[in-house]
C-alpha atoms as a PDB file:
ATOM      1  CA  UNK A   1       0.484-110.748 219.006  1.00  0.00           C
ATOM      2  CA  UNK A   2      -0.069-111.223 222.931  1.00  0.00           C
ATOM      3  CA  UNK A   3       1.084-114.082 225.023  1.00  0.00           C
ATOM      4  CA  UNK A   4      -0.846-115.967 227.360  1.00  0.00           C
ATOM      5  CA  UNK A   5       0.731-118.159 230.171  1.00  0.00           C
ATOM      6  CA  UNK A   6      -0.968-121.455 230.139  1.00  0.00           C
ATOM      7  CA  UNK A   7      -0.205-124.179 233.155  1.00  0.00           C
ATOM      8  CA  UNK A   8      -0.284-127.495 232.692  1.00  0.00           C
ATOM      9  CA  UNK A   9      -0.788-130.586 235.292  1.00  0.00           C
ATOM     10  CA  UNK A  10      -1.699-131.159 238.797  1.00  0.00           C
ATOM     11  CA  UNK A  11      -0.266-130.829 242.150  1.00  0.00           C
ATOM     12  CA  UNK A  12       3.340-130.032 242.732  1.00  0.00           C
ATOM     13  CA  UNK A  13       3.771-131.182 238.819  1.00  0.00           C
ATOM     14  CA  UNK A  14       2.722-128.238 237.306  1.00  0.00           C
ATOM     15  CA  UNK A  15       4.561-127.065 234.014  1.00  0.00           C
ATOM     16  CA  UNK A  16       4.054-123.515 232.988  1.00  0.00           C
ATOM     17  CA  UNK A  17       4.151-122.675 229.133  1.00  0.00           C
ATOM     18  CA  UNK A  18       4.133-119.073 227.311  1.00  0.00           C
ATOM     19  CA  UNK A  19       2.499-119.496 223.996  1.00  0.00           C
ATOM     20  CA  UNK A  20       1.888-116.450 221.396  1.00  0.00           C
ATOM     21  CA  UNK A  21      -2.027-115.921 220.978  1.00  0.00           C
ATOM     22  CA  UNK A  22      -3.242-115.834 217.339  1.00  0.00           C
ATOM     23  CA  UNK A  23      -6.501-113.430 217.023  1.00  0.00           C
ATOM     24  CA  UNK A  24      -8.416-117.060 216.441  1.00  0.00           C
ATOM     25  CA  UNK A  25      -8.420-120.487 216.464  1.00  0.00           C
ATOM     26  CA  UNK A  26      -8.311-123.595 218.898  1.00  0.00           C
ATOM     27  CA  UNK A  27      -5.848-126.491 219.130  1.00  0.00           C
ATOM     28  CA  UNK A  28      -6.765-130.158 219.827  1.00  0.00           C
ATOM     29  CA  UNK A  29      -3.421-130.962 221.516  1.00  0.00           C
ATOM     30  CA  UNK A  30      -4.379-130.240 225.103  1.00  0.00           C
ATOM     31  CA  UNK A  31      -7.664-131.530 226.431  1.00  0.00           C
ATOM     32  CA  UNK A  32      -8.069-128.879 229.300  1.00  0.00           C
ATOM     33  CA  UNK A  33      -7.376-125.618 227.595  1.00  0.00           C
ATOM     34  CA  UNK A  34      -7.390-124.804 223.708  1.00  0.00           C
ATOM     35  CA  UNK A  35      -3.888-123.540 222.754  1.00  0.00           C
ATOM     36  CA  UNK A  36      -3.764-120.789 219.825  1.00  0.00           C
ATOM     37  CA  UNK A  37      -2.489-122.048 216.700  1.00  0.00           C
ATOM     38  CA  UNK A  38       0.484-119.852 216.181  1.00  0.00           C
ATOM     39  CA  UNK A  39       2.899-121.494 218.539  1.00  0.00           C
ATOM     40  CA  UNK A  40       1.906-125.365 219.410  1.00  0.00           C
ATOM     41  CA  UNK A  41       3.315-126.323 222.558  1.00  0.00           C
ATOM     42  CA  UNK A  42       5.942-129.424 221.813  1.00  0.00           C
ATOM     43  CA  UNK A  43       7.139-131.969 224.342  1.00  0.00           C
ATOM     44  CA  UNK A  44       4.608-131.490 226.840  1.00  0.00           C
ATOM     45  CA  UNK A  45       2.135-134.469 227.448  1.00  0.00           C
ATOM     46  CA  UNK A  46      -1.467-132.933 227.874  1.00  0.00           C
ATOM     47  CA  UNK A  47      -2.694-133.803 231.119  1.00  0.00           C
ATOM     48  CA  UNK A  48      -6.423-135.341 232.167  1.00  0.00           C
ATOM     49  CA  UNK A  49      -9.527-132.887 232.705  1.00  0.00           C
ATOM     50  CA  UNK A  50      -9.604-131.223 235.846  1.00  0.00           C
ATOM     51  CA  UNK A  51     -12.825-132.168 237.868  1.00  0.00           C
ATOM     52  CA  UNK A  52     -14.579-129.910 240.439  1.00  0.00           C
ATOM     53  CA  UNK A  53     -17.751-130.689 242.394  1.00  0.00           C
ATOM     54  CA  UNK A  54     -17.914-133.871 240.861  1.00  0.00           C
ATOM     55  CA  UNK A  55     -18.190-132.691 237.153  1.00  0.00           C
ATOM     56  CA  UNK A  56     -15.264-132.643 234.859  1.00  0.00           C
ATOM     57  CA  UNK A  57     -14.326-129.544 233.143  1.00  0.00           C
ATOM     58  CA  UNK A  58     -13.860-128.871 229.523  1.00  0.00           C
ATOM     59  CA  UNK A  59     -12.017-125.010 229.986  1.00  0.00           C
ATOM     60  CA  UNK A  60     -11.377-122.423 227.151  1.00  0.00           C
ATOM     61  CA  UNK A  61      -9.379-119.297 227.960  1.00  0.00           C
ATOM     62  CA  UNK A  62     -10.398-115.913 225.994  1.00  0.00           C
ATOM     63  CA  UNK A  63      -9.137-112.954 225.539  1.00  0.00           C
ATOM     64  CA  UNK A  64     -11.739-111.704 223.021  1.00  0.00           C
ATOM     65  CA  UNK A  65     -15.393-112.928 222.645  1.00  0.00           C
ATOM     66  CA  UNK A  66     -14.919-113.183 218.789  1.00  0.00           C
ATOM     67  CA  UNK A  67     -12.550-115.959 219.297  1.00  0.00           C
ATOM     68  CA  UNK A  68     -15.750-118.004 220.157  1.00  0.00           C
ATOM     69  CA  UNK A  69     -18.323-116.756 217.754  1.00  0.00           C
ATOM     70  CA  UNK A  70     -18.309-116.417 213.979  1.00  0.00           C
ATOM     71  CA  UNK A  71     -17.204-113.153 213.229  1.00  0.00           C
ATOM     72  CA  UNK A  72     -19.207-112.832 209.872  1.00  0.00           C
ATOM     73  CA  UNK A  73     -22.454-113.701 211.512  1.00  0.00           C
ATOM     74  CA  UNK A  74     -24.551-110.677 211.866  1.00  0.00           C
ATOM     75  CA  UNK A  75     -27.361-112.678 214.283  1.00  0.00           C
ATOM     76  CA  UNK A  76     -28.070-111.464 217.570  1.00  0.00           C
ATOM     77  CA  UNK A  77     -25.670-112.461 220.441  1.00  0.00           C
ATOM     78  CA  UNK A  78     -27.725-115.767 221.462  1.00  0.00           C
ATOM     79  CA  UNK A  79     -28.100-116.826 218.131  1.00  0.00           C
ATOM     80  CA  UNK A  80     -24.759-116.689 216.808  1.00  0.00           C
ATOM     81  CA  UNK A  81     -22.892-119.373 215.132  1.00  0.00           C
ATOM     82  CA  UNK A  82     -19.727-120.798 217.152  1.00  0.00           C
ATOM     83  CA  UNK A  83     -16.524-120.132 215.355  1.00  0.00           C
ATOM     84  CA  UNK A  84     -15.679-123.596 213.548  1.00  0.00           C
ATOM     85  CA  UNK A  85     -12.539-124.199 215.348  1.00  0.00           C
ATOM     86  CA  UNK A  86     -14.260-123.289 218.461  1.00  0.00           C
ATOM     87  CA  UNK A  87     -17.145-125.711 217.560  1.00  0.00           C
ATOM     88  CA  UNK A  88     -14.322-128.535 216.778  1.00  0.00           C
ATOM     89  CA  UNK A  89     -12.775-128.169 220.157  1.00  0.00           C
ATOM     90  CA  UNK A  90     -15.715-128.344 222.191  1.00  0.00           C
ATOM     91  CA  UNK A  91     -17.255-131.284 220.470  1.00  0.00           C
ATOM     92  CA  UNK A  92     -14.099-133.296 220.172  1.00  0.00           C
ATOM     93  CA  UNK A  93     -13.633-132.693 224.095  1.00  0.00           C
ATOM     94  CA  UNK A  94     -16.921-133.751 224.852  1.00  0.00           C
ATOM     95  CA  UNK A  95     -16.779-136.794 222.545  1.00  0.00           C
ATOM     96  CA  UNK A  96     -13.530-137.886 224.503  1.00  0.00           C
ATOM     97  CA  UNK A  97     -15.716-138.163 227.760  1.00  0.00           C
ATOM     98  CA  UNK A  98     -17.405-140.885 229.073  1.00  0.00           C
ATOM     99  CA  UNK A  99     -20.805-140.629 228.531  1.00  0.00           C
ATOM    100  CA  UNK A 100     -22.077-141.232 232.169  1.00  0.00           C
ATOM    101  CA  UNK A 101     -19.905-138.272 233.219  1.00  0.00           C
ATOM    102  CA  UNK A 102     -21.238-135.187 233.927  1.00  0.00           C
ATOM    103  CA  UNK A 103     -19.089-132.092 232.629  1.00  0.00           C
ATOM    104  CA  UNK A 104     -19.659-128.491 232.219  1.00  0.00           C
ATOM    105  CA  UNK A 105     -17.892-125.630 230.107  1.00  0.00           C
ATOM    106  CA  UNK A 106     -15.842-123.031 231.858  1.00  0.00           C
ATOM    107  CA  UNK A 107     -14.836-119.891 230.025  1.00  0.00           C
ATOM    108  CA  UNK A 108     -12.135-118.030 231.581  1.00  0.00           C
ATOM    109  CA  UNK A 109     -12.340-114.505 230.004  1.00  0.00           C
ATOM    110  CA  UNK A 110     -10.104-111.409 229.715  1.00  0.00           C
ATOM    111  CA  UNK A 111     -11.490-108.535 231.744  1.00  0.00           C
ATOM    112  CA  UNK A 112     -12.184-106.583 228.342  1.00  0.00           C
ATOM    113  CA  UNK A 113     -14.254-109.533 227.530  1.00  0.00           C
ATOM    114  CA  UNK A 114     -16.320-109.883 230.239  1.00  0.00           C
ATOM    115  CA  UNK A 115     -17.156-106.328 230.684  1.00  0.00           C
ATOM    116  CA  UNK A 116     -18.504-107.043 226.866  1.00  0.00           C
ATOM    117  CA  UNK A 117     -20.528-109.940 227.783  1.00  0.00           C
ATOM    118  CA  UNK A 118     -24.013-109.556 227.372  1.00  0.00           C
ATOM    119  CA  UNK A 119     -26.790-109.869 229.991  1.00  0.00           C
ATOM    120  CA  UNK A 120     -27.641-113.477 228.814  1.00  0.00           C
ATOM    121  CA  UNK A 121     -24.557-114.527 228.757  1.00  0.00           C
ATOM    122  CA  UNK A 122     -22.582-117.375 227.046  1.00  0.00           C
ATOM    123  CA  UNK A 123     -24.717-120.212 228.678  1.00  0.00           C
ATOM    124  CA  UNK A 124     -28.162-119.196 225.990  1.00  0.00           C
ATOM    125  CA  UNK A 125     -25.787-118.849 222.940  1.00  0.00           C
ATOM    126  CA  UNK A 126     -23.995-122.456 223.694  1.00  0.00           C
ATOM    127  CA  UNK A 127     -27.420-124.199 224.065  1.00  0.00           C
ATOM    128  CA  UNK A 128     -29.092-122.318 221.154  1.00  0.00           C
ATOM    129  CA  UNK A 129     -26.536-123.166 218.942  1.00  0.00           C
ATOM    130  CA  UNK A 130     -26.287-126.672 219.695  1.00  0.00           C
ATOM    131  CA  UNK A 131     -30.189-127.225 219.818  1.00  0.00           C
ATOM    132  CA  UNK A 132     -29.778-125.931 216.314  1.00  0.00           C
ATOM    133  CA  UNK A 133     -27.051-128.496 215.285  1.00  0.00           C
ATOM    134  CA  UNK A 134     -28.960-131.142 217.111  1.00  0.00           C
ATOM    135  CA  UNK A 135     -32.406-130.412 215.111  1.00  0.00           C
ATOM    136  CA  UNK A 136     -29.976-130.630 211.905  1.00  0.00           C
ATOM    137  CA  UNK A 137     -28.485-133.889 212.842  1.00  0.00           C
ATOM    138  CA  UNK A 138     -31.861-135.277 213.706  1.00  0.00           C
ATOM    139  CA  UNK A 139     -33.109-133.977 210.606  1.00  0.00           C
ATOM    140  CA  UNK A 140     -30.132-135.627 208.662  1.00  0.00           C
ATOM    141  CA  UNK A 141     -30.498-138.936 210.414  1.00  0.00           C
ATOM    142  CA  UNK A 142     -34.432-139.297 209.426  1.00  0.00           C
ATOM    143  CA  UNK A 143     -33.686-138.307 205.657  1.00  0.00           C
ATOM    144  CA  UNK A 144     -30.624-140.941 205.841  1.00  0.00           C
ATOM    145  CA  UNK A 145     -32.963-143.573 207.347  1.00  0.00           C
ATOM    146  CA  UNK A 146     -35.581-142.798 204.652  1.00  0.00           C
ATOM    147  CA  UNK A 147     -33.341-143.285 201.974  1.00  0.00           C
ATOM    148  CA  UNK A 148     -32.022-146.563 203.566  1.00  0.00           C
ATOM    149  CA  UNK A 149     -35.737-147.968 203.742  1.00  0.00           C
ATOM    150  CA  UNK A 150     -36.374-146.716 200.177  1.00  0.00           C
ATOM    151  CA  UNK A 151     -32.978-148.717 199.012  1.00  0.00           C
ATOM    152  CA  UNK A 152     -34.030-151.782 200.770  1.00  0.00           C
ATOM    153  CA  UNK A 153     -37.376-152.056 199.177  1.00  0.00           C
ATOM    154  CA  UNK A 154     -35.858-151.276 195.735  1.00  0.00           C
ATOM    155  CA  UNK A 155     -33.092-154.362 196.859  1.00  0.00           C
ATOM    156  CA  UNK A 156     -35.852-156.560 197.462  1.00  0.00           C
ATOM    157  CA  UNK A 157     -37.577-156.307 194.480  1.00  0.00           C
ATOM    158  CA  UNK A 158     -34.617-156.432 192.526  1.00  0.00           C
ATOM    159  CA  UNK A 159     -33.648-159.644 194.386  1.00  0.00           C
ATOM    160  CA  UNK A 160     -36.817-161.167 193.962  1.00  0.00           C
ATOM    161  CA  UNK A 161     -36.500-160.307 190.204  1.00  0.00           C
ATOM    162  CA  UNK A 162     -33.228-161.794 189.835  1.00  0.00           C
ATOM    163  CA  UNK A 163     -34.097-164.947 191.578  1.00  0.00           C
ATOM    164  CA  UNK A 164     -37.076-165.208 189.260  1.00  0.00           C
ATOM    165  CA  UNK A 165     -35.038-164.879 186.209  1.00  0.00           C
ATOM    166  CA  UNK A 166     -32.554-167.215 187.520  1.00  0.00           C
ATOM    167  CA  UNK A 167     -34.892-170.014 187.948  1.00  0.00           C
ATOM    168  CA  UNK A 168     -36.658-169.161 184.368  1.00  0.00           C
ATOM    169  CA  UNK A 169     -33.544-169.131 182.364  1.00  0.00           C
ATOM    170  CA  UNK A 170     -32.716-172.543 184.534  1.00  0.00           C
ATOM    171  CA  UNK A 171     -35.970-174.167 182.900  1.00  0.00           C
ATOM    172  CA  UNK A 172     -34.851-173.255 179.662  1.00  0.00           C
ATOM    173  CA  UNK A 173     -32.879-176.669 179.320  1.00  0.00           C
ATOM    174  CA  UNK A 174     -28.687-176.810 178.825  1.00  0.00           C
ATOM    175  CA  UNK A 175     -26.961-174.050 176.765  1.00  0.00           C
ATOM    176  CA  UNK A 176     -23.852-172.452 176.717  1.00  0.00           C
ATOM    177  CA  UNK A 177     -23.355-170.170 179.971  1.00  0.00           C
ATOM    178  CA  UNK A 178     -26.441-171.042 181.673  1.00  0.00           C
ATOM    179  CA  UNK A 179     -24.845-171.978 184.818  1.00  0.00           C
ATOM    180  CA  UNK A 180     -23.096-168.682 184.699  1.00  0.00           C
ATOM    181  CA  UNK A 181     -25.718-166.597 183.696  1.00  0.00           C
ATOM    182  CA  UNK A 182     -28.265-168.147 186.220  1.00  0.00           C
ATOM    183  CA  UNK A 183     -25.840-167.882 189.071  1.00  0.00           C
ATOM    184  CA  UNK A 184     -24.712-164.604 188.485  1.00  0.00           C
ATOM    185  CA  UNK A 185     -28.058-163.434 188.783  1.00  0.00           C
ATOM    186  CA  UNK A 186     -28.365-164.733 192.226  1.00  0.00           C
ATOM    187  CA  UNK A 187     -25.435-163.404 193.129  1.00  0.00           C
ATOM    188  CA  UNK A 188     -26.194-159.790 191.822  1.00  0.00           C
ATOM    189  CA  UNK A 189     -29.589-159.896 193.578  1.00  0.00           C
ATOM    190  CA  UNK A 190     -27.696-160.803 196.939  1.00  0.00           C
ATOM    191  CA  UNK A 191     -24.962-157.954 196.543  1.00  0.00           C
ATOM    192  CA  UNK A 192     -28.037-155.309 195.555  1.00  0.00           C
ATOM    193  CA  UNK A 193     -29.227-156.253 199.641  1.00  0.00           C
ATOM    194  CA  UNK A 194     -25.631-155.624 200.891  1.00  0.00           C
ATOM    195  CA  UNK A 195     -25.819-151.524 201.127  1.00  0.00           C
ATOM    196  CA  UNK A 196     -29.190-151.074 202.352  1.00  0.00           C
ATOM    197  CA  UNK A 197     -28.526-153.921 205.184  1.00  0.00           C
ATOM    198  CA  UNK A 198     -25.156-152.284 205.888  1.00  0.00           C
ATOM    199  CA  UNK A 199     -26.770-149.042 206.928  1.00  0.00           C
ATOM    200  CA  UNK A 200     -30.012-150.259 208.694  1.00  0.00           C
ATOM    201  CA  UNK A 201     -27.243-152.043 210.689  1.00  0.00           C
ATOM    202  CA  UNK A 202     -24.468-150.210 211.168  1.00  0.00           C
ATOM    203  CA  UNK A 203     -24.193-146.948 209.365  1.00  0.00           C
ATOM    204  CA  UNK A 204     -26.485-145.020 211.238  1.00  0.00           C
ATOM    205  CA  UNK A 205     -24.703-145.224 214.530  1.00  0.00           C
ATOM    206  CA  UNK A 206     -22.504-142.314 214.271  1.00  0.00           C
ATOM    207  CA  UNK A 207     -25.385-140.306 213.439  1.00  0.00           C
ATOM    208  CA  UNK A 208     -27.385-141.384 216.456  1.00  0.00           C
ATOM    209  CA  UNK A 209     -23.858-141.091 218.784  1.00  0.00           C
ATOM    210  CA  UNK A 210     -23.871-137.305 217.231  1.00  0.00           C
ATOM    211  CA  UNK A 211     -27.182-136.670 218.117  1.00  0.00           C
ATOM    212  CA  UNK A 212     -26.929-137.858 221.713  1.00  0.00           C
ATOM    213  CA  UNK A 213     -23.527-135.816 222.133  1.00  0.00           C
ATOM    214  CA  UNK A 214     -25.650-132.512 221.153  1.00  0.00           C
ATOM    215  CA  UNK A 215     -28.178-133.544 223.732  1.00  0.00           C
ATOM    216  CA  UNK A 216     -25.511-133.029 226.314  1.00  0.00           C
ATOM    217  CA  UNK A 217     -24.046-129.754 224.834  1.00  0.00           C
ATOM    218  CA  UNK A 218     -27.655-128.247 224.462  1.00  0.00           C
ATOM    219  CA  UNK A 219     -28.184-128.476 228.254  1.00  0.00           C
ATOM    220  CA  UNK A 220     -24.627-128.096 229.520  1.00  0.00           C
ATOM    221  CA  UNK A 221     -23.737-126.157 231.994  1.00  0.00           C
ATOM    222  CA  UNK A 222     -21.463-123.101 231.270  1.00  0.00           C
ATOM    223  CA  UNK A 223     -19.917-121.310 233.861  1.00  0.00           C
ATOM    224  CA  UNK A 224     -17.405-117.805 233.127  1.00  0.00           C
ATOM    225  CA  UNK A 225     -14.634-117.008 235.381  1.00  0.00           C
ATOM    226  CA  UNK A 226     -12.333-114.104 234.677  1.00  0.00           C
ATOM    227  CA  UNK A 227      -8.877-115.027 233.408  1.00  0.00           C
ATOM    228  CA  UNK A 228      -6.307-116.129 235.785  1.00  0.00           C
ATOM    229  CA  UNK A 229      -8.808-117.775 238.565  1.00  0.00           C
END
């Protein structure tokens, strides 16, 4: 299992740490570089993201291209799925950045990985993957909103039925349990409205935020550097 040196910090206060690199996997401990799972860094606070030419950098060091892509995906290079750990790291890092800040992905590749990099490069593959994820997320959002509208329609009809039935029972005179039943029907009708209204007002926000995040990742600038630069 090879070792990789990772430098944390800026300026004169840099701290070098050597960790063992596993064949695959990313850690969320560092917001700058993915630290391989086999030996997480301890007692070292993650530094802020570096900035170059007015852009924040999300940096990933790789010794092999297989660490970035799903090894079971037989599709061509630019259409392959990202490794789940790699996707989680990139998405979580992008979520941490302010929405108004420009950023780019910087991949530090070992020389043997650079030699195997196809002519179309990583940018096309990254953009293709997140465009696909964006399409899936938009489809899920449309489906969820359609379901919420149908649920709201059903809830409104149920509320109208509950209120009408309550009024009908109230006009039948005084009988045991009349107040409990009529008021219970009113409460039940309004409770049926709660979930559709909650979704239409609040629950779709996370889906919309994820769509905006994928929109940014689908057009993010991607840079490839030799490991060590």
